[in-house]
Amino acid sequence: MNVLVTGGAGFIGSAYVRHRLRTHPEFKVRVLDKLTYAGRRENLRSLPEERLELVVADVADRDAVRAALEGCDAIVNFAAETHVDRSIEAPGEFIETDVFGTFILLEAARDAGVRHLQISTDEVYGSIEDGSFDESSRLDPSSPYSASKAGADLLVGAFRRTYDTDALIARASNNYGPRQYPEKLIPLCVLNALAGDPLPVYGDGMQVRNWLWVDDFAAAIDTVLEYGDAGEVYNVGGPDELPNIEVVKRILELTGRDESLIEHVTDRLGHDRRYSLSAAKTEALGWRAAVGFDGGIERTVEWYRENEWWWKPIRSGEYREHYEQRYGSALG
């Protein structure tokens, strides 16, 4: 399949593009990305230009989507506003991209007769005290972000049932790895630790997340795209669960910094306490996570340490203003 990857210049999208080009040398990839603050050309650097095309456009632009889909056999939709904090401040942008954009893509997929794989999140299920969510668990989103993703998922199911569209969903637990925009916990703390800045931790830091190496998720996406059944949902949970505070302490250890840099800040509004996904259904298709958190976090810290060219422009631009507004302190 030649694949249209929407949001393919973002963190997870670009990891999937790299995986797809590496494992399917006979096929091409077209990326459609609006190139907002978190979608960056740098994320596609050094990829083979003869097999990769970048279309700069909005998934909510019907004409641009239909033109970009020509010659493609499937859509993999990563395009989304994803940061919970920003969704609390400006929820309208999330509805526009995450819900309406998905609607435009589904219409295009239906008319072209191609497969649509929706990339979603464990956050649509809300928080769980014990055990793990499976694909039959009810949706109970807590933030405007997770609600917008849940709305998009419901559209996927409706298009399948109403129009018989070849559409399905992959829901991931928390991804981490290289090229993640530093508003998210791990890259934020890695870069702050490298610079000697305080590491802000929401509340008591005991929010538990199910950590998934981004390249493992990229492999899972390909598995679901190739072997998943239309109309189905496939959860992709990582192999390790850790509280945020333990993740932060591990980062400090790997960067040689002291725990005195930890700064507890006011907890996020509506902050879910624990996420956990069962990956049994996806594993039944033949996928397995290959990277545990200990190895993955070491590789992540090392990548940021060695790739200052990638993150230094970010910390001197819009991100700096957003950070100072969010946490009430300046970056060094």
C-alpha atoms as a PDB file:
ATOM      1  CA  MET A   1       0.000   0.000   0.000  1.00  0.00           C
ATOM      2  CA  ASN A   2       1.008   3.569  -0.719  1.00  0.00           C
ATOM      3  CA  VAL A   3      -0.108   5.399   2.411  1.00  0.00           C
ATOM      4  CA  LEU A   4      -1.285   8.933   3.151  1.00  0.00           C
ATOM      5  CA  VAL A   5      -0.044   9.772   6.643  1.00  0.00           C
ATOM      6  CA  THR A   6      -1.827  12.796   8.062  1.00  0.00           C
ATOM      7  CA  GLY A   7       0.058  14.528  10.852  1.00  0.00           C
ATOM      8  CA  GLY A   8       3.136  12.706   9.629  1.00  0.00           C
ATOM      9  CA  ALA A   9       5.527  15.516  10.597  1.00  0.00           C
ATOM     10  CA  GLY A  10       4.646  15.185  14.275  1.00  0.00           C
ATOM     11  CA  PHE A  11       6.278  12.991  16.899  1.00  0.00           C
ATOM     12  CA  ILE A  12       4.445   9.676  16.473  1.00  0.00           C
ATOM     13  CA  GLY A  13       3.512  10.329  12.852  1.00  0.00           C
ATOM     14  CA  SER A  14       7.122  10.835  11.782  1.00  0.00           C
ATOM     15  CA  ALA A  15       8.188   7.722  13.691  1.00  0.00           C
ATOM     16  CA  TYR A  16       5.603   5.771  11.715  1.00  0.00           C
ATOM     17  CA  VAL A  17       6.774   7.321   8.437  1.00  0.00           C
ATOM     18  CA  ARG A  18      10.324   6.209   9.215  1.00  0.00           C
ATOM     19  CA  HIS A  19       9.128   2.728  10.100  1.00  0.00           C
ATOM     20  CA  ARG A  20       6.997   2.450   6.962  1.00  0.00           C
ATOM     21  CA  LEU A  21       9.772   3.564   4.621  1.00  0.00           C
ATOM     22  CA  ARG A  22      12.279   1.255   6.300  1.00  0.00           C
ATOM     23  CA  THR A  23      10.114  -1.882   6.333  1.00  0.00           C
ATOM     24  CA  HIS A  24       8.291  -1.421   3.014  1.00  0.00           C
ATOM     25  CA  PRO A  25      10.954  -0.326   0.517  1.00  0.00           C
ATOM     26  CA  GLU A  26       8.629  -1.019  -2.417  1.00  0.00           C
ATOM     27  CA  PHE A  27       6.063   1.607  -1.357  1.00  0.00           C
ATOM     28  CA  LYS A  28       5.851   5.379  -1.054  1.00  0.00           C
ATOM     29  CA  VAL A  29       4.495   7.602   1.699  1.00  0.00           C
ATOM     30  CA  ARG A  30       2.720  10.929   1.308  1.00  0.00           C
ATOM     31  CA  VAL A  31       2.569  13.110   4.402  1.00  0.00           C
ATOM     32  CA  LEU A  32      -0.147  15.732   4.855  1.00  0.00           C
ATOM     33  CA  ASP A  33       0.671  18.069   7.733  1.00  0.00           C
ATOM     34  CA  LYS A  34      -0.319  21.604   8.669  1.00  0.00           C
ATOM     35  CA  LEU A  35       3.132  22.129  10.225  1.00  0.00           C
ATOM     36  CA  THR A  36       1.832  23.703  13.402  1.00  0.00           C
ATOM     37  CA  TYR A  37       4.206  24.190  16.339  1.00  0.00           C
ATOM     38  CA  ALA A  38       4.599  20.426  16.939  1.00  0.00           C
ATOM     39  CA  GLY A  39       4.678  19.345  13.289  1.00  0.00           C
ATOM     40  CA  ARG A  40       8.162  20.038  11.967  1.00  0.00           C
ATOM     41  CA  ARG A  41      10.028  19.441   8.724  1.00  0.00           C
ATOM     42  CA  GLU A  42      13.014  18.526  10.878  1.00  0.00           C
ATOM     43  CA  ASN A  43      11.176  15.370  11.962  1.00  0.00           C
ATOM     44  CA  LEU A  44      11.372  14.080   8.377  1.00  0.00           C
ATOM     45  CA  ARG A  45      15.008  14.972   7.883  1.00  0.00           C
ATOM     46  CA  SER A  46      17.259  12.497   6.023  1.00  0.00           C
ATOM     47  CA  LEU A  47      14.374  10.392   4.690  1.00  0.00           C
ATOM     48  CA  PRO A  48      14.487   9.344   1.008  1.00  0.00           C
ATOM     49  CA  GLU A  49      12.967  12.176  -1.021  1.00  0.00           C
ATOM     50  CA  GLU A  50      12.148   9.884  -3.945  1.00  0.00           C
ATOM     51  CA  ARG A  51       9.753   7.883  -1.740  1.00  0.00           C
ATOM     52  CA  LEU A  52       8.404  10.627   0.514  1.00  0.00           C
ATOM     53  CA  GLU A  53       6.208  13.581  -0.407  1.00  0.00           C
ATOM     54  CA  LEU A  54       5.187  16.327   2.031  1.00  0.00           C
ATOM     55  CA  VAL A  55       1.930  18.188   1.407  1.00  0.00           C
ATOM     56  CA  VAL A  56       1.489  21.215   3.676  1.00  0.00           C
ATOM     57  CA  ALA A  57      -2.246  21.434   4.303  1.00  0.00           C
ATOM     58  CA  ASP A  58      -4.971  21.167   6.936  1.00  0.00           C
ATOM     59  CA  VAL A  59      -6.942  17.943   7.391  1.00  0.00           C
ATOM     60  CA  ALA A  60     -10.032  20.144   7.686  1.00  0.00           C
ATOM     61  CA  ASP A  61      -9.478  21.308   4.075  1.00  0.00           C
ATOM     62  CA  ARG A  62     -11.685  18.998   2.002  1.00  0.00           C
ATOM     63  CA  ASP A  63     -10.101  19.795  -1.382  1.00  0.00           C
ATOM     64  CA  ALA A  64      -6.539  19.432  -0.092  1.00  0.00           C
ATOM     65  CA  VAL A  65      -7.320  16.080   1.506  1.00  0.00           C
ATOM     66  CA  ARG A  66      -8.917  14.664  -1.625  1.00  0.00           C
ATOM     67  CA  ALA A  67      -6.011  15.806  -3.780  1.00  0.00           C
ATOM     68  CA  ALA A  68      -3.469  14.331  -1.360  1.00  0.00           C
ATOM     69  CA  LEU A  69      -5.296  10.996  -1.294  1.00  0.00           C
ATOM     70  CA  GLU A  70      -4.934  10.425  -5.040  1.00  0.00           C
ATOM     71  CA  GLY A  71      -2.752   7.389  -5.681  1.00  0.00           C
ATOM     72  CA  CYS A  72      -2.871   6.231  -2.056  1.00  0.00           C
ATOM     73  CA  ASP A  73      -4.386   2.983  -0.813  1.00  0.00           C
ATOM     74  CA  ALA A  74      -4.915   3.920   2.842  1.00  0.00           C
ATOM     75  CA  ILE A  75      -5.028   6.808   5.294  1.00  0.00           C
ATOM     76  CA  VAL A  76      -3.278   6.627   8.662  1.00  0.00           C
ATOM     77  CA  ASN A  77      -4.567   9.600  10.650  1.00  0.00           C
ATOM     78  CA  PHE A  78      -2.248  11.059  13.288  1.00  0.00           C
ATOM     79  CA  ALA A  79      -3.379  14.635  12.660  1.00  0.00           C
ATOM     80  CA  ALA A  80      -4.532  16.051  15.984  1.00  0.00           C
ATOM     81  CA  GLU A  81      -4.016  18.686  18.595  1.00  0.00           C
ATOM     82  CA  THR A  82      -2.769  16.529  21.467  1.00  0.00           C
ATOM     83  CA  HIS A  83      -1.611  18.495  24.500  1.00  0.00           C
ATOM     84  CA  VAL A  84      -4.116  18.343  27.362  1.00  0.00           C
ATOM     85  CA  ASP A  85      -2.994  21.657  28.886  1.00  0.00           C
ATOM     86  CA  ARG A  86      -3.572  23.484  25.603  1.00  0.00           C
ATOM     87  CA  SER A  87      -6.994  21.820  25.221  1.00  0.00           C
ATOM     88  CA  ILE A  88      -8.039  23.253  28.578  1.00  0.00           C
ATOM     89  CA  GLU A  89      -6.996  26.719  27.425  1.00  0.00           C
ATOM     90  CA  ALA A  90      -8.364  26.569  23.842  1.00  0.00           C
ATOM     91  CA  PRO A  91     -10.698  23.593  23.275  1.00  0.00           C
ATOM     92  CA  GLY A  92     -12.102  24.897  19.982  1.00  0.00           C
ATOM     93  CA  GLU A  93      -8.898  24.180  18.079  1.00  0.00           C
ATOM     94  CA  PHE A  94      -9.062  20.556  19.233  1.00  0.00           C
ATOM     95  CA  ILE A  95     -12.635  20.115  18.021  1.00  0.00           C
ATOM     96  CA  GLU A  96     -11.737  21.594  14.636  1.00  0.00           C
ATOM     97  CA  THR A  97      -8.748  19.335  13.967  1.00  0.00           C
ATOM     98  CA  ASP A  98      -9.490  16.200  15.952  1.00  0.00           C
ATOM     99  CA  VAL A  99     -13.210  15.858  15.181  1.00  0.00           C
ATOM    100  CA  PHE A 100     -13.981  17.831  12.031  1.00  0.00           C
ATOM    101  CA  GLY A 101     -10.658  16.882  10.445  1.00  0.00           C
ATOM    102  CA  THR A 102     -11.402  13.205  11.044  1.00  0.00           C
ATOM    103  CA  PHE A 103     -14.840  13.677   9.461  1.00  0.00           C
ATOM    104  CA  ILE A 104     -13.235  15.152   6.320  1.00  0.00           C
ATOM    105  CA  LEU A 105     -10.786  12.238   6.129  1.00  0.00           C
ATOM    106  CA  LEU A 106     -13.518   9.641   6.591  1.00  0.00           C
ATOM    107  CA  GLU A 107     -15.584  11.182   3.819  1.00  0.00           C
ATOM    108  CA  ALA A 108     -12.562  11.104   1.518  1.00  0.00           C
ATOM    109  CA  ALA A 109     -11.758   7.501   2.445  1.00  0.00           C
ATOM    110  CA  ARG A 110     -15.349   6.417   1.867  1.00  0.00           C
ATOM    111  CA  ASP A 111     -15.521   8.080  -1.557  1.00  0.00           C
ATOM    112  CA  ALA A 112     -12.121   6.718  -2.630  1.00  0.00           C
ATOM    113  CA  GLY A 113     -12.779   3.218  -1.268  1.00  0.00           C
ATOM    114  CA  VAL A 114      -9.584   3.129   0.805  1.00  0.00           C
ATOM    115  CA  ARG A 115      -8.848   2.022   4.377  1.00  0.00           C
ATOM    116  CA  HIS A 116      -8.839   4.630   7.168  1.00  0.00           C
ATOM    117  CA  LEU A 117      -6.840   3.840  10.306  1.00  0.00           C
ATOM    118  CA  GLN A 118      -7.586   6.264  13.133  1.00  0.00           C
ATOM    119  CA  ILE A 119      -4.802   6.787  15.661  1.00  0.00           C
ATOM    120  CA  SER A 120      -6.331   7.331  19.082  1.00  0.00           C
ATOM    121  CA  THR A 121      -5.357   7.329  22.742  1.00  0.00           C
ATOM    122  CA  ASP A 122      -5.931   5.518  26.014  1.00  0.00           C
ATOM    123  CA  GLU A 123      -7.220   8.824  27.400  1.00  0.00           C
ATOM    124  CA  VAL A 124     -10.622   8.258  25.765  1.00  0.00           C
ATOM    125  CA  TYR A 125     -11.310   5.658  28.470  1.00  0.00           C
ATOM    126  CA  GLY A 126     -10.584   8.001  31.370  1.00  0.00           C
ATOM    127  CA  SER A 127      -8.893   6.797  34.546  1.00  0.00           C
ATOM    128  CA  ILE A 128      -8.810   3.263  35.922  1.00  0.00           C
ATOM    129  CA  GLU A 129      -7.857   2.314  39.488  1.00  0.00           C
ATOM    130  CA  ASP A 130      -7.122  -1.391  38.942  1.00  0.00           C
ATOM    131  CA  GLY A 131      -6.669  -3.694  35.986  1.00  0.00           C
ATOM    132  CA  SER A 132      -6.498  -2.562  32.372  1.00  0.00           C
ATOM    133  CA  PHE A 133      -8.915  -1.225  29.799  1.00  0.00           C
ATOM    134  CA  ASP A 134      -9.776  -3.468  26.874  1.00  0.00           C
ATOM    135  CA  GLU A 135     -11.512  -2.548  23.648  1.00  0.00           C
ATOM    136  CA  SER A 136     -14.983  -3.123  25.145  1.00  0.00           C
ATOM    137  CA  SER A 137     -14.445  -0.601  27.959  1.00  0.00           C
ATOM    138  CA  ARG A 138     -16.756   2.411  27.847  1.00  0.00           C
ATOM    139  CA  LEU A 139     -15.458   5.812  26.779  1.00  0.00           C
ATOM    140  CA  ASP A 140     -15.237   8.308  29.634  1.00  0.00           C
ATOM    141  CA  PRO A 141     -12.932  11.186  28.595  1.00  0.00           C
ATOM    142  CA  SER A 142     -11.882  13.768  31.176  1.00  0.00           C
ATOM    143  CA  SER A 143     -10.358  16.629  29.151  1.00  0.00           C
ATOM    144  CA  PRO A 144     -11.341  18.546  26.015  1.00  0.00           C
ATOM    145  CA  TYR A 145      -8.463  16.742  24.279  1.00  0.00           C
ATOM    146  CA  SER A 146      -9.600  13.240  25.190  1.00  0.00           C
ATOM    147  CA  ALA A 147     -13.219  14.183  24.449  1.00  0.00           C
ATOM    148  CA  SER A 148     -12.239  15.339  20.962  1.00  0.00           C
ATOM    149  CA  LYS A 149     -10.410  12.061  20.356  1.00  0.00           C
ATOM    150  CA  ALA A 150     -13.388  10.075  21.646  1.00  0.00           C
ATOM    151  CA  GLY A 151     -15.657  12.039  19.313  1.00  0.00           C
ATOM    152  CA  ALA A 152     -13.414  11.172  16.374  1.00  0.00           C
ATOM    153  CA  ASP A 153     -13.456   7.494  17.377  1.00  0.00           C
ATOM    154  CA  LEU A 154     -17.248   7.516  17.465  1.00  0.00           C
ATOM    155  CA  LEU A 155     -17.299   9.001  13.967  1.00  0.00           C
ATOM    156  CA  VAL A 156     -15.083   6.153  12.755  1.00  0.00           C
ATOM    157  CA  GLY A 157     -17.513   3.607  14.162  1.00  0.00           C
ATOM    158  CA  ALA A 158     -20.499   5.436  12.696  1.00  0.00           C
ATOM    159  CA  PHE A 159     -18.946   5.577   9.219  1.00  0.00           C
ATOM    160  CA  ARG A 160     -18.249   1.859   9.403  1.00  0.00           C
ATOM    161  CA  ARG A 161     -21.799   0.972  10.417  1.00  0.00           C
ATOM    162  CA  THR A 162     -23.629   3.508   8.242  1.00  0.00           C
ATOM    163  CA  TYR A 163     -21.557   3.574   5.066  1.00  0.00           C
ATOM    164  CA  ASP A 164     -19.561   0.320   5.382  1.00  0.00           C
ATOM    165  CA  THR A 165     -16.344   2.388   5.277  1.00  0.00           C
ATOM    166  CA  ASP A 166     -13.174   0.333   5.713  1.00  0.00           C
ATOM    167  CA  ALA A 167     -12.243   2.095   8.951  1.00  0.00           C
ATOM    168  CA  LEU A 168     -10.660   0.960  12.218  1.00  0.00           C
ATOM    169  CA  ILE A 169      -8.919   2.382  15.289  1.00  0.00           C
ATOM    170  CA  ALA A 170      -5.604   1.897  17.113  1.00  0.00           C
ATOM    171  CA  ARG A 171      -5.484   3.334  20.660  1.00  0.00           C
ATOM    172  CA  ALA A 172      -2.076   3.805  22.263  1.00  0.00           C
ATOM    173  CA  SER A 173      -0.791   4.298  25.753  1.00  0.00           C
ATOM    174  CA  ASN A 174       1.733   7.085  26.471  1.00  0.00           C
ATOM    175  CA  ASN A 175       4.395   7.162  23.768  1.00  0.00           C
ATOM    176  CA  TYR A 176       7.930   8.424  24.352  1.00  0.00           C
ATOM    177  CA  GLY A 177      11.167   8.585  22.390  1.00  0.00           C
ATOM    178  CA  PRO A 178      13.122  10.899  20.047  1.00  0.00           C
ATOM    179  CA  ARG A 179      11.558  13.991  18.430  1.00  0.00           C
ATOM    180  CA  GLN A 180       8.759  14.451  20.958  1.00  0.00           C
ATOM    181  CA  TYR A 181       7.840  18.104  21.408  1.00  0.00           C
ATOM    182  CA  PRO A 182       9.007  19.199  24.870  1.00  0.00           C
ATOM    183  CA  GLU A 183       5.622  20.226  26.260  1.00  0.00           C
ATOM    184  CA  LYS A 184       5.146  16.525  27.158  1.00  0.00           C
ATOM    185  CA  LEU A 185       6.519  15.130  30.426  1.00  0.00           C
ATOM    186  CA  ILE A 186       9.567  13.157  29.300  1.00  0.00           C
ATOM    187  CA  PRO A 187      11.165  15.558  26.787  1.00  0.00           C
ATOM    188  CA  LEU A 188      10.298  18.534  29.016  1.00  0.00           C
ATOM    189  CA  CYS A 189      12.101  16.972  31.955  1.00  0.00           C
ATOM    190  CA  VAL A 190      15.028  15.725  29.883  1.00  0.00           C
ATOM    191  CA  LEU A 191      15.725  19.157  28.409  1.00  0.00           C
ATOM    192  CA  ASN A 192      15.220  20.939  31.734  1.00  0.00           C
ATOM    193  CA  ALA A 193      17.573  18.505  33.437  1.00  0.00           C
ATOM    194  CA  LEU A 194      20.226  18.952  30.750  1.00  0.00           C
ATOM    195  CA  ALA A 195      19.959  22.733  31.216  1.00  0.00           C
ATOM    196  CA  GLY A 196      19.847  22.583  35.021  1.00  0.00           C
ATOM    197  CA  ASP A 197      16.311  24.032  35.146  1.00  0.00           C
ATOM    198  CA  PRO A 198      13.636  22.896  37.645  1.00  0.00           C
ATOM    199  CA  LEU A 199      11.524  19.897  36.596  1.00  0.00           C
ATOM    200  CA  PRO A 200       7.818  20.732  37.143  1.00  0.00           C
ATOM    201  CA  VAL A 201       5.730  17.789  38.398  1.00  0.00           C
ATOM    202  CA  TYR A 202       1.937  18.040  38.632  1.00  0.00           C
ATOM    203  CA  GLY A 203       0.548  17.420  42.119  1.00  0.00           C
ATOM    204  CA  ASP A 204       2.201  14.554  43.968  1.00  0.00           C
ATOM    205  CA  GLY A 205       3.502  12.992  40.740  1.00  0.00           C
ATOM    206  CA  MET A 206       1.830   9.660  41.478  1.00  0.00           C
ATOM    207  CA  GLN A 207      -0.193   9.628  38.259  1.00  0.00           C
ATOM    208  CA  VAL A 208       0.537   6.242  36.669  1.00  0.00           C
ATOM    209  CA  ARG A 209       1.112   5.935  32.941  1.00  0.00           C
ATOM    210  CA  ASN A 210       1.591   2.917  30.670  1.00  0.00           C
ATOM    211  CA  TRP A 211       4.798   3.759  28.741  1.00  0.00           C
ATOM    212  CA  LEU A 212       5.232   2.693  25.097  1.00  0.00           C
ATOM    213  CA  TRP A 213       8.391   3.159  23.018  1.00  0.00           C
ATOM    214  CA  VAL A 214       7.342   5.112  19.926  1.00  0.00           C
ATOM    215  CA  ASP A 215       8.943   2.719  17.427  1.00  0.00           C
ATOM    216  CA  ASP A 216       7.069  -0.168  19.029  1.00  0.00           C
ATOM    217  CA  PHE A 217       3.836   1.717  18.445  1.00  0.00           C
ATOM    218  CA  ALA A 218       4.854   2.395  14.836  1.00  0.00           C
ATOM    219  CA  ALA A 219       5.257  -1.357  14.326  1.00  0.00           C
ATOM    220  CA  ALA A 220       1.875  -1.977  15.960  1.00  0.00           C
ATOM    221  CA  ILE A 221       0.216   0.517  13.623  1.00  0.00           C
ATOM    222  CA  ASP A 222       1.567  -1.321  10.598  1.00  0.00           C
ATOM    223  CA  THR A 223       0.324  -4.613  12.028  1.00  0.00           C
ATOM    224  CA  VAL A 224      -3.168  -3.216  12.573  1.00  0.00           C
ATOM    225  CA  LEU A 225      -3.198  -1.561   9.150  1.00  0.00           C
ATOM    226  CA  GLU A 226      -2.270  -4.817   7.415  1.00  0.00           C
ATOM    227  CA  TYR A 227      -4.160  -7.383   9.486  1.00  0.00           C
ATOM    228  CA  GLY A 228      -6.816  -5.567  11.532  1.00  0.00           C
ATOM    229  CA  ASP A 229     -10.500  -6.038  10.777  1.00  0.00           C
ATOM    230  CA  ALA A 230     -12.637  -3.117   9.634  1.00  0.00           C
ATOM    231  CA  GLY A 231     -14.822  -1.704  12.376  1.00  0.00           C
ATOM    232  CA  GLU A 232     -12.570  -2.988  15.155  1.00  0.00           C
ATOM    233  CA  VAL A 233     -10.576  -1.200  17.847  1.00  0.00           C
ATOM    234  CA  TYR A 234      -7.061  -2.340  18.793  1.00  0.00           C
ATOM    235  CA  ASN A 235      -5.435  -1.215  22.032  1.00  0.00           C
ATOM    236  CA  VAL A 236      -1.657  -0.897  22.075  1.00  0.00           C
ATOM    237  CA  GLY A 237      -0.399  -0.736  25.643  1.00  0.00           C
ATOM    238  CA  GLY A 238       3.249  -0.494  26.623  1.00  0.00           C
ATOM    239  CA  PRO A 239       5.044  -3.132  28.694  1.00  0.00           C
ATOM    240  CA  ASP A 240       5.714  -0.940  31.758  1.00  0.00           C
ATOM    241  CA  GLU A 241       3.629   1.161  34.130  1.00  0.00           C
ATOM    242  CA  LEU A 242       5.325   3.849  36.219  1.00  0.00           C
ATOM    243  CA  PRO A 243       4.231   6.887  38.238  1.00  0.00           C
ATOM    244  CA  ASN A 244       5.325  10.180  36.745  1.00  0.00           C
ATOM    245  CA  ILE A 245       7.556  10.948  39.724  1.00  0.00           C
ATOM    246  CA  GLU A 246       9.553   7.755  39.143  1.00  0.00           C
ATOM    247  CA  VAL A 247       9.995   8.692  35.481  1.00  0.00           C
ATOM    248  CA  VAL A 248      11.288  12.106  36.525  1.00  0.00           C
ATOM    249  CA  LYS A 249      13.721  10.612  39.039  1.00  0.00           C
ATOM    250  CA  ARG A 250      15.061   8.216  36.404  1.00  0.00           C
ATOM    251  CA  ILE A 251      15.670  11.137  34.047  1.00  0.00           C
ATOM    252  CA  LEU A 252      17.572  12.986  36.770  1.00  0.00           C
ATOM    253  CA  GLU A 253      19.690   9.907  37.355  1.00  0.00           C
ATOM    254  CA  LEU A 254      20.517   9.545  33.658  1.00  0.00           C
ATOM    255  CA  THR A 255      21.422  13.231  33.322  1.00  0.00           C
ATOM    256  CA  GLY A 256      23.483  13.334  36.504  1.00  0.00           C
ATOM    257  CA  ARG A 257      21.225  15.829  38.228  1.00  0.00           C
ATOM    258  CA  ASP A 258      19.997  15.983  41.814  1.00  0.00           C
ATOM    259  CA  GLU A 259      16.389  15.431  42.903  1.00  0.00           C
ATOM    260  CA  SER A 260      16.404  18.943  44.368  1.00  0.00           C
ATOM    261  CA  LEU A 261      15.489  20.084  40.832  1.00  0.00           C
ATOM    262  CA  ILE A 262      12.008  18.520  41.219  1.00  0.00           C
ATOM    263  CA  GLU A 263       9.390  21.238  41.629  1.00  0.00           C
ATOM    264  CA  HIS A 264       5.832  20.141  42.501  1.00  0.00           C
ATOM    265  CA  VAL A 265       3.271  22.471  40.881  1.00  0.00           C
ATOM    266  CA  THR A 266      -0.515  22.772  41.062  1.00  0.00           C
ATOM    267  CA  ASP A 267      -2.125  19.705  39.561  1.00  0.00           C
ATOM    268  CA  ARG A 268      -3.751  19.838  36.135  1.00  0.00           C
ATOM    269  CA  LEU A 269      -7.527  20.312  36.022  1.00  0.00           C
ATOM    270  CA  GLY A 270      -9.325  16.964  35.621  1.00  0.00           C
ATOM    271  CA  HIS A 271      -6.026  15.061  35.776  1.00  0.00           C
ATOM    272  CA  ASP A 272      -6.593  11.307  35.316  1.00  0.00           C
ATOM    273  CA  ARG A 273      -4.860   9.217  37.971  1.00  0.00           C
ATOM    274  CA  ARG A 274      -3.994   6.044  36.079  1.00  0.00           C
ATOM    275  CA  TYR A 275      -4.065   4.709  32.531  1.00  0.00           C
ATOM    276  CA  SER A 276      -3.560   1.078  31.593  1.00  0.00           C
ATOM    277  CA  LEU A 277      -4.285  -0.733  28.324  1.00  0.00           C
ATOM    278  CA  SER A 278      -4.437  -4.422  27.571  1.00  0.00           C
ATOM    279  CA  ALA A 279      -2.654  -5.135  24.275  1.00  0.00           C
ATOM    280  CA  ALA A 280      -3.892  -8.740  24.007  1.00  0.00           C
ATOM    281  CA  LYS A 281      -6.031  -8.117  20.915  1.00  0.00           C
ATOM    282  CA  THR A 282      -3.186  -6.450  19.023  1.00  0.00           C
ATOM    283  CA  GLU A 283      -0.737  -9.106  20.178  1.00  0.00           C
ATOM    284  CA  ALA A 284      -3.077 -11.711  18.679  1.00  0.00           C
ATOM    285  CA  LEU A 285      -2.293 -10.134  15.286  1.00  0.00           C
ATOM    286  CA  GLY A 286       1.398 -10.902  15.840  1.00  0.00           C
ATOM    287  CA  TRP A 287       2.740  -7.694  17.422  1.00  0.00           C
ATOM    288  CA  ARG A 288       4.887  -7.525  20.560  1.00  0.00           C
ATOM    289  CA  ALA A 289       6.565  -4.598  22.297  1.00  0.00           C
ATOM    290  CA  ALA A 290      10.332  -4.954  21.912  1.00  0.00           C
ATOM    291  CA  VAL A 291      11.644  -2.136  24.131  1.00  0.00           C
ATOM    292  CA  GLY A 292      11.145  -1.867  27.894  1.00  0.00           C
ATOM    293  CA  PHE A 293      11.112   1.452  29.704  1.00  0.00           C
ATOM    294  CA  ASP A 294      14.617   1.170  31.169  1.00  0.00           C
ATOM    295  CA  GLY A 295      16.210   0.738  27.773  1.00  0.00           C
ATOM    296  CA  GLY A 296      13.887   3.181  26.054  1.00  0.00           C
ATOM    297  CA  ILE A 297      14.424   6.035  28.476  1.00  0.00           C
ATOM    298  CA  GLU A 298      18.204   5.651  28.216  1.00  0.00           C
ATOM    299  CA  ARG A 299      17.973   5.878  24.428  1.00  0.00           C
ATOM    300  CA  THR A 300      15.634   8.865  24.684  1.00  0.00           C
ATOM    301  CA  VAL A 301      17.911  10.856  26.989  1.00  0.00           C
ATOM    302  CA  GLU A 302      20.906  10.065  24.806  1.00  0.00           C
ATOM    303  CA  TRP A 303      19.079  11.218  21.656  1.00  0.00           C
ATOM    304  CA  TYR A 304      18.209  14.597  23.170  1.00  0.00           C
ATOM    305  CA  ARG A 305      21.742  14.939  24.515  1.00  0.00           C
ATOM    306  CA  GLU A 306      23.194  14.371  21.033  1.00  0.00           C
ATOM    307  CA  ASN A 307      20.657  16.363  18.984  1.00  0.00           C
ATOM    308  CA  GLU A 308      20.761  19.910  20.287  1.00  0.00           C
ATOM    309  CA  TRP A 309      20.198  21.128  16.711  1.00  0.00           C
ATOM    310  CA  TRP A 310      16.662  19.699  16.918  1.00  0.00           C
ATOM    311  CA  TRP A 311      15.508  21.111  20.262  1.00  0.00           C
ATOM    312  CA  LYS A 312      17.483  24.320  20.784  1.00  0.00           C
ATOM    313  CA  PRO A 313      15.331  26.404  18.367  1.00  0.00           C
ATOM    314  CA  ILE A 314      12.210  25.176  20.168  1.00  0.00           C
ATOM    315  CA  ARG A 315      13.344  26.312  23.606  1.00  0.00           C
ATOM    316  CA  SER A 316      14.057  29.796  22.265  1.00  0.00           C
ATOM    317  CA  GLY A 317      10.709  30.292  20.504  1.00  0.00           C
ATOM    318  CA  GLU A 318       6.957  29.948  21.161  1.00  0.00           C
ATOM    319  CA  TYR A 319       7.570  27.095  23.571  1.00  0.00           C
ATOM    320  CA  ARG A 320       9.458  29.336  25.977  1.00  0.00           C
ATOM    321  CA  GLU A 321       6.494  31.714  26.268  1.00  0.00           C
ATOM    322  CA  HIS A 322       4.056  28.823  26.702  1.00  0.00           C
ATOM    323  CA  TYR A 323       6.245  27.240  29.366  1.00  0.00           C
ATOM    324  CA  GLU A 324       6.586  30.429  31.373  1.00  0.00           C
ATOM    325  CA  GLN A 325       2.838  31.040  31.217  1.00  0.00           C
ATOM    326  CA  ARG A 326       2.059  27.452  32.229  1.00  0.00           C
ATOM    327  CA  TYR A 327       4.556  27.021  35.078  1.00  0.00           C
ATOM    328  CA  GLY A 328       5.148  30.601  36.199  1.00  0.00           C
ATOM    329  CA  SER A 329       8.922  30.394  35.903  1.00  0.00           C
ATOM    330  CA  ALA A 330      11.449  31.169  33.188  1.00  0.00           C
ATOM    331  CA  LEU A 331      13.717  28.698  31.451  1.00  0.00           C
ATOM    332  CA  GLY A 332      17.422  29.229  31.939  1.00  0.00           C
END
